[in-house]
């Protein structure tokens, strides 16, 4: 399928056990003919390696502001201008809080704050964290700011508990994004 042909998409990955789903999401986006630039938080690299993500995207993964001892600089501004969409999946409670409150202390949040495109957010966390008033307040702020939150699903969580907090399945996330661009194209 080529529902996202010609679209430049930033895939932001944070430090969650659901990061394994980001690999499937990345592969699905590439199959839809999108150009993908992965931006991963330092905590995200604890769950999935940049080598895997780079191999699937065909591009070096961006994680830090500067390259490793070679003087290169990764411009969050250039990334924000390049993108037709940004997807943060999984989005942890910590990243949601930083995004909602403008705490730009990593490459992912600075890129988010520079983005001129629609931003899709797929939260992933344990049910009590998701239900916490602080998390819900941050999600509300992000929605009011125009972000599109792809609600987590219910089911068995990594903790063994059951409830709402599972990152939505990659196929559904791709469909939400493809539908967005389809409606935009037809309007």
C-alpha atoms as a PDB file:
ATOM      1  CA  UNK A   1       0.000   0.000   0.000  1.00  0.00           C
ATOM      2  CA  UNK A   2       1.090   3.560  -0.556  1.00  0.00           C
ATOM      3  CA  UNK A   3      -1.322   5.599   1.568  1.00  0.00           C
ATOM      4  CA  UNK A   4       1.512   7.747   2.924  1.00  0.00           C
ATOM      5  CA  UNK A   5       3.581   8.109  -0.240  1.00  0.00           C
ATOM      6  CA  UNK A   6       5.494  11.372  -0.251  1.00  0.00           C
ATOM      7  CA  UNK A   7       4.862  12.115   3.436  1.00  0.00           C
ATOM      8  CA  UNK A   8       7.806  12.998   5.695  1.00  0.00           C
ATOM      9  CA  UNK A   9       7.148  11.638   9.162  1.00  0.00           C
ATOM     10  CA  UNK A  10       9.085  11.927  12.397  1.00  0.00           C
ATOM     11  CA  UNK A  11       8.658   8.876  14.617  1.00  0.00           C
ATOM     12  CA  UNK A  12       9.443   9.763  18.226  1.00  0.00           C
ATOM     13  CA  UNK A  13      10.159   6.871  20.577  1.00  0.00           C
ATOM     14  CA  UNK A  14      10.364   7.181  24.359  1.00  0.00           C
ATOM     15  CA  UNK A  15      11.469   4.871  27.163  1.00  0.00           C
ATOM     16  CA  UNK A  16       8.609   2.402  27.448  1.00  0.00           C
ATOM     17  CA  UNK A  17       8.343  -1.357  27.185  1.00  0.00           C
ATOM     18  CA  UNK A  18       5.935  -0.613  24.307  1.00  0.00           C
ATOM     19  CA  UNK A  19       8.934   0.595  22.259  1.00  0.00           C
ATOM     20  CA  UNK A  20       8.983  -2.855  20.649  1.00  0.00           C
ATOM     21  CA  UNK A  21       5.722  -1.864  18.926  1.00  0.00           C
ATOM     22  CA  UNK A  22       7.522   1.142  17.448  1.00  0.00           C
ATOM     23  CA  UNK A  23       9.608  -1.225  15.343  1.00  0.00           C
ATOM     24  CA  UNK A  24       6.398  -2.672  13.859  1.00  0.00           C
ATOM     25  CA  UNK A  25       5.004   0.847  13.443  1.00  0.00           C
ATOM     26  CA  UNK A  26       8.168   1.981  11.664  1.00  0.00           C
ATOM     27  CA  UNK A  27       8.073  -1.000   9.317  1.00  0.00           C
ATOM     28  CA  UNK A  28       4.388  -0.349   8.559  1.00  0.00           C
ATOM     29  CA  UNK A  29       5.027   3.335   7.820  1.00  0.00           C
ATOM     30  CA  UNK A  30       7.864   2.430   5.454  1.00  0.00           C
ATOM     31  CA  UNK A  31       5.576  -0.096   3.701  1.00  0.00           C
ATOM     32  CA  UNK A  32       3.122   2.783   3.194  1.00  0.00           C
ATOM     33  CA  UNK A  33       5.958   4.617   1.355  1.00  0.00           C
ATOM     34  CA  UNK A  34       6.485   7.356   3.960  1.00  0.00           C
ATOM     35  CA  UNK A  35       9.928   8.832   4.568  1.00  0.00           C
ATOM     36  CA  UNK A  36      10.670   8.302   8.265  1.00  0.00           C
ATOM     37  CA  UNK A  37      13.127  10.023  10.567  1.00  0.00           C
ATOM     38  CA  UNK A  38      13.346   8.385  13.972  1.00  0.00           C
ATOM     39  CA  UNK A  39      14.058  10.558  17.006  1.00  0.00           C
ATOM     40  CA  UNK A  40      14.540   8.548  20.192  1.00  0.00           C
ATOM     41  CA  UNK A  41      15.016   9.633  23.797  1.00  0.00           C
ATOM     42  CA  UNK A  42      17.990   8.357  25.784  1.00  0.00           C
ATOM     43  CA  UNK A  43      15.582   6.186  27.814  1.00  0.00           C
ATOM     44  CA  UNK A  44      14.090   4.844  24.577  1.00  0.00           C
ATOM     45  CA  UNK A  45      17.503   3.461  23.624  1.00  0.00           C
ATOM     46  CA  UNK A  46      17.322   1.257  26.712  1.00  0.00           C
ATOM     47  CA  UNK A  47      14.397  -0.609  25.117  1.00  0.00           C
ATOM     48  CA  UNK A  48      15.236  -0.657  21.381  1.00  0.00           C
ATOM     49  CA  UNK A  49      18.533   0.004  19.638  1.00  0.00           C
ATOM     50  CA  UNK A  50      19.166   2.743  17.101  1.00  0.00           C
ATOM     51  CA  UNK A  51      20.810   0.126  14.847  1.00  0.00           C
ATOM     52  CA  UNK A  52      17.499  -1.710  14.417  1.00  0.00           C
ATOM     53  CA  UNK A  53      15.611   1.520  13.777  1.00  0.00           C
ATOM     54  CA  UNK A  54      18.213   2.815  11.332  1.00  0.00           C
ATOM     55  CA  UNK A  55      18.205  -0.435   9.375  1.00  0.00           C
ATOM     56  CA  UNK A  56      14.418  -0.236   8.981  1.00  0.00           C
ATOM     57  CA  UNK A  57      14.179   3.497   8.246  1.00  0.00           C
ATOM     58  CA  UNK A  58      17.253   3.743   6.044  1.00  0.00           C
ATOM     59  CA  UNK A  59      18.363   6.842   7.972  1.00  0.00           C
ATOM     60  CA  UNK A  60      20.583   7.439  10.989  1.00  0.00           C
ATOM     61  CA  UNK A  61      18.558   7.710  14.182  1.00  0.00           C
ATOM     62  CA  UNK A  62      18.653  11.053  15.977  1.00  0.00           C
ATOM     63  CA  UNK A  63      18.904  10.990  19.752  1.00  0.00           C
ATOM     64  CA  UNK A  64      21.284  13.692  20.847  1.00  0.00           C
ATOM     65  CA  UNK A  65      21.766  17.318  19.906  1.00  0.00           C
ATOM     66  CA  UNK A  66      25.313  16.653  18.717  1.00  0.00           C
ATOM     67  CA  UNK A  67      27.014  13.803  16.875  1.00  0.00           C
ATOM     68  CA  UNK A  68      29.479  11.579  18.679  1.00  0.00           C
ATOM     69  CA  UNK A  69      32.654  13.657  18.908  1.00  0.00           C
ATOM     70  CA  UNK A  70      32.537  14.757  15.263  1.00  0.00           C
ATOM     71  CA  UNK A  71      31.107  18.253  15.637  1.00  0.00           C
ATOM     72  CA  UNK A  72      27.864  17.576  13.792  1.00  0.00           C
ATOM     73  CA  UNK A  73      24.706  19.166  15.096  1.00  0.00           C
ATOM     74  CA  UNK A  74      21.220  17.727  14.745  1.00  0.00           C
ATOM     75  CA  UNK A  75      18.845  20.601  14.133  1.00  0.00           C
ATOM     76  CA  UNK A  76      15.470  20.138  15.776  1.00  0.00           C
ATOM     77  CA  UNK A  77      14.290  23.187  13.817  1.00  0.00           C
ATOM     78  CA  UNK A  78      15.183  21.607  10.463  1.00  0.00           C
ATOM     79  CA  UNK A  79      13.444  18.376  11.502  1.00  0.00           C
ATOM     80  CA  UNK A  80      10.339  20.260  12.568  1.00  0.00           C
ATOM     81  CA  UNK A  81      10.181  22.069   9.226  1.00  0.00           C
ATOM     82  CA  UNK A  82      10.853  18.885   7.194  1.00  0.00           C
ATOM     83  CA  UNK A  83       8.017  16.864   8.712  1.00  0.00           C
ATOM     84  CA  UNK A  84       4.482  16.536   7.368  1.00  0.00           C
ATOM     85  CA  UNK A  85       3.549  14.704  10.581  1.00  0.00           C
ATOM     86  CA  UNK A  86       5.103  13.678  13.869  1.00  0.00           C
ATOM     87  CA  UNK A  87       4.137  10.541  15.772  1.00  0.00           C
ATOM     88  CA  UNK A  88       5.249   9.933  19.330  1.00  0.00           C
ATOM     89  CA  UNK A  89       4.693   6.270  20.023  1.00  0.00           C
ATOM     90  CA  UNK A  90       5.083   5.229  22.722  1.00  0.00           C
ATOM     91  CA  UNK A  91       4.618   8.429  24.711  1.00  0.00           C
ATOM     92  CA  UNK A  92       5.454   7.978  28.384  1.00  0.00           C
ATOM     93  CA  UNK A  93       3.946   9.972  31.245  1.00  0.00           C
ATOM     94  CA  UNK A  94       7.281  11.777  31.582  1.00  0.00           C
ATOM     95  CA  UNK A  95       7.357  12.827  27.929  1.00  0.00           C
ATOM     96  CA  UNK A  96       3.687  13.868  28.015  1.00  0.00           C
ATOM     97  CA  UNK A  97       4.470  16.085  31.007  1.00  0.00           C
ATOM     98  CA  UNK A  98       7.475  17.629  29.294  1.00  0.00           C
ATOM     99  CA  UNK A  99       5.518  18.270  26.095  1.00  0.00           C
ATOM    100  CA  UNK A 100       2.545  19.789  27.933  1.00  0.00           C
ATOM    101  CA  UNK A 101       4.752  22.076  29.987  1.00  0.00           C
ATOM    102  CA  UNK A 102       7.430  23.024  27.462  1.00  0.00           C
ATOM    103  CA  UNK A 103      10.299  21.252  29.183  1.00  0.00           C
ATOM    104  CA  UNK A 104      12.634  20.883  26.217  1.00  0.00           C
ATOM    105  CA  UNK A 105      15.464  18.904  27.752  1.00  0.00           C
ATOM    106  CA  UNK A 106      15.917  16.290  25.035  1.00  0.00           C
ATOM    107  CA  UNK A 107      15.989  16.114  21.245  1.00  0.00           C
ATOM    108  CA  UNK A 108      12.481  14.656  20.984  1.00  0.00           C
ATOM    109  CA  UNK A 109      10.747  17.409  22.953  1.00  0.00           C
ATOM    110  CA  UNK A 110      12.725  20.200  21.255  1.00  0.00           C
ATOM    111  CA  UNK A 111      11.750  18.704  17.886  1.00  0.00           C
ATOM    112  CA  UNK A 112       8.114  18.520  19.021  1.00  0.00           C
ATOM    113  CA  UNK A 113       8.230  22.175  20.044  1.00  0.00           C
ATOM    114  CA  UNK A 114       9.693  23.128  16.646  1.00  0.00           C
ATOM    115  CA  UNK A 115       7.248  21.063  14.593  1.00  0.00           C
ATOM    116  CA  UNK A 116       4.895  22.937  12.275  1.00  0.00           C
ATOM    117  CA  UNK A 117       2.977  19.765  11.386  1.00  0.00           C
ATOM    118  CA  UNK A 118       0.215  17.718  13.006  1.00  0.00           C
ATOM    119  CA  UNK A 119       1.433  15.721  15.996  1.00  0.00           C
ATOM    120  CA  UNK A 120      -0.030  12.318  16.855  1.00  0.00           C
ATOM    121  CA  UNK A 121       0.581  10.988  20.355  1.00  0.00           C
ATOM    122  CA  UNK A 122       0.122   7.344  21.392  1.00  0.00           C
ATOM    123  CA  UNK A 123       0.471   7.088  25.184  1.00  0.00           C
ATOM    124  CA  UNK A 124       1.706   3.885  26.807  1.00  0.00           C
ATOM    125  CA  UNK A 125       1.956   3.284  30.534  1.00  0.00           C
ATOM    126  CA  UNK A 126       0.458   1.354  33.407  1.00  0.00           C
ATOM    127  CA  UNK A 127      -3.220   1.931  34.158  1.00  0.00           C
ATOM    128  CA  UNK A 128      -2.663   3.897  37.380  1.00  0.00           C
ATOM    129  CA  UNK A 129      -0.164   6.186  35.678  1.00  0.00           C
ATOM    130  CA  UNK A 130      -2.531   6.751  32.773  1.00  0.00           C
ATOM    131  CA  UNK A 131      -5.479   7.454  35.091  1.00  0.00           C
ATOM    132  CA  UNK A 132      -3.468   9.771  37.353  1.00  0.00           C
ATOM    133  CA  UNK A 133      -4.840  13.341  37.410  1.00  0.00           C
ATOM    134  CA  UNK A 134      -1.445  14.764  36.364  1.00  0.00           C
ATOM    135  CA  UNK A 135      -1.308  12.548  33.268  1.00  0.00           C
ATOM    136  CA  UNK A 136      -4.910  13.342  32.369  1.00  0.00           C
ATOM    137  CA  UNK A 137      -4.248  17.065  32.832  1.00  0.00           C
ATOM    138  CA  UNK A 138      -1.198  16.848  30.549  1.00  0.00           C
ATOM    139  CA  UNK A 139      -3.184  14.973  27.894  1.00  0.00           C
ATOM    140  CA  UNK A 140      -5.911  17.614  28.106  1.00  0.00           C
ATOM    141  CA  UNK A 141      -3.334  20.384  27.627  1.00  0.00           C
ATOM    142  CA  UNK A 142      -1.843  18.564  24.645  1.00  0.00           C
ATOM    143  CA  UNK A 143      -5.269  18.084  23.044  1.00  0.00           C
ATOM    144  CA  UNK A 144      -6.131  21.761  23.589  1.00  0.00           C
ATOM    145  CA  UNK A 145      -2.860  22.631  21.870  1.00  0.00           C
ATOM    146  CA  UNK A 146      -4.062  20.804  18.760  1.00  0.00           C
ATOM    147  CA  UNK A 147      -2.288  17.483  19.157  1.00  0.00           C
ATOM    148  CA  UNK A 148      -4.099  14.297  18.153  1.00  0.00           C
ATOM    149  CA  UNK A 149      -4.027  11.764  20.987  1.00  0.00           C
ATOM    150  CA  UNK A 150      -4.501   8.150  19.948  1.00  0.00           C
ATOM    151  CA  UNK A 151      -6.006   6.711  23.104  1.00  0.00           C
ATOM    152  CA  UNK A 152      -4.377   3.618  24.584  1.00  0.00           C
ATOM    153  CA  UNK A 153      -6.332   0.396  24.566  1.00  0.00           C
ATOM    154  CA  UNK A 154      -7.326  -1.855  27.430  1.00  0.00           C
ATOM    155  CA  UNK A 155      -5.762  -5.208  28.136  1.00  0.00           C
ATOM    156  CA  UNK A 156      -3.040  -6.958  30.057  1.00  0.00           C
ATOM    157  CA  UNK A 157      -0.185  -4.557  30.729  1.00  0.00           C
ATOM    158  CA  UNK A 158       3.538  -5.235  31.186  1.00  0.00           C
ATOM    159  CA  UNK A 159       3.000  -5.030  34.961  1.00  0.00           C
ATOM    160  CA  UNK A 160       0.600  -7.959  34.773  1.00  0.00           C
ATOM    161  CA  UNK A 161      -2.321  -5.714  35.689  1.00  0.00           C
ATOM    162  CA  UNK A 162      -5.242  -5.332  33.333  1.00  0.00           C
ATOM    163  CA  UNK A 163      -6.696  -2.012  32.248  1.00  0.00           C
ATOM    164  CA  UNK A 164      -6.268   1.009  29.981  1.00  0.00           C
ATOM    165  CA  UNK A 165      -2.710   1.967  29.132  1.00  0.00           C
ATOM    166  CA  UNK A 166      -1.536  -0.307  26.287  1.00  0.00           C
ATOM    167  CA  UNK A 167      -0.161   1.625  23.338  1.00  0.00           C
ATOM    168  CA  UNK A 168      -2.597   1.283  20.456  1.00  0.00           C
ATOM    169  CA  UNK A 169      -1.596  -1.328  17.897  1.00  0.00           C
ATOM    170  CA  UNK A 170       0.685  -0.101  15.089  1.00  0.00           C
ATOM    171  CA  UNK A 171      -1.839  -0.962  12.347  1.00  0.00           C
ATOM    172  CA  UNK A 172      -4.445   1.264  14.001  1.00  0.00           C
ATOM    173  CA  UNK A 173      -1.947   4.126  14.398  1.00  0.00           C
ATOM    174  CA  UNK A 174      -1.039   3.911  10.706  1.00  0.00           C
ATOM    175  CA  UNK A 175      -4.741   3.939   9.802  1.00  0.00           C
ATOM    176  CA  UNK A 176      -5.359   7.056  11.917  1.00  0.00           C
ATOM    177  CA  UNK A 177      -2.496   8.866  10.182  1.00  0.00           C
ATOM    178  CA  UNK A 178      -3.465   7.664   6.693  1.00  0.00           C
ATOM    179  CA  UNK A 179      -7.081   8.733   7.328  1.00  0.00           C
ATOM    180  CA  UNK A 180      -5.863  12.166   8.446  1.00  0.00           C
ATOM    181  CA  UNK A 181      -3.923  12.702   5.214  1.00  0.00           C
ATOM    182  CA  UNK A 182      -6.742  11.278   3.101  1.00  0.00           C
ATOM    183  CA  UNK A 183      -9.257  13.732   4.621  1.00  0.00           C
ATOM    184  CA  UNK A 184      -6.774  16.611   4.237  1.00  0.00           C
ATOM    185  CA  UNK A 185      -6.206  15.698   0.586  1.00  0.00           C
ATOM    186  CA  UNK A 186      -9.978  15.518  -0.111  1.00  0.00           C
ATOM    187  CA  UNK A 187     -10.827  18.803   1.588  1.00  0.00           C
END
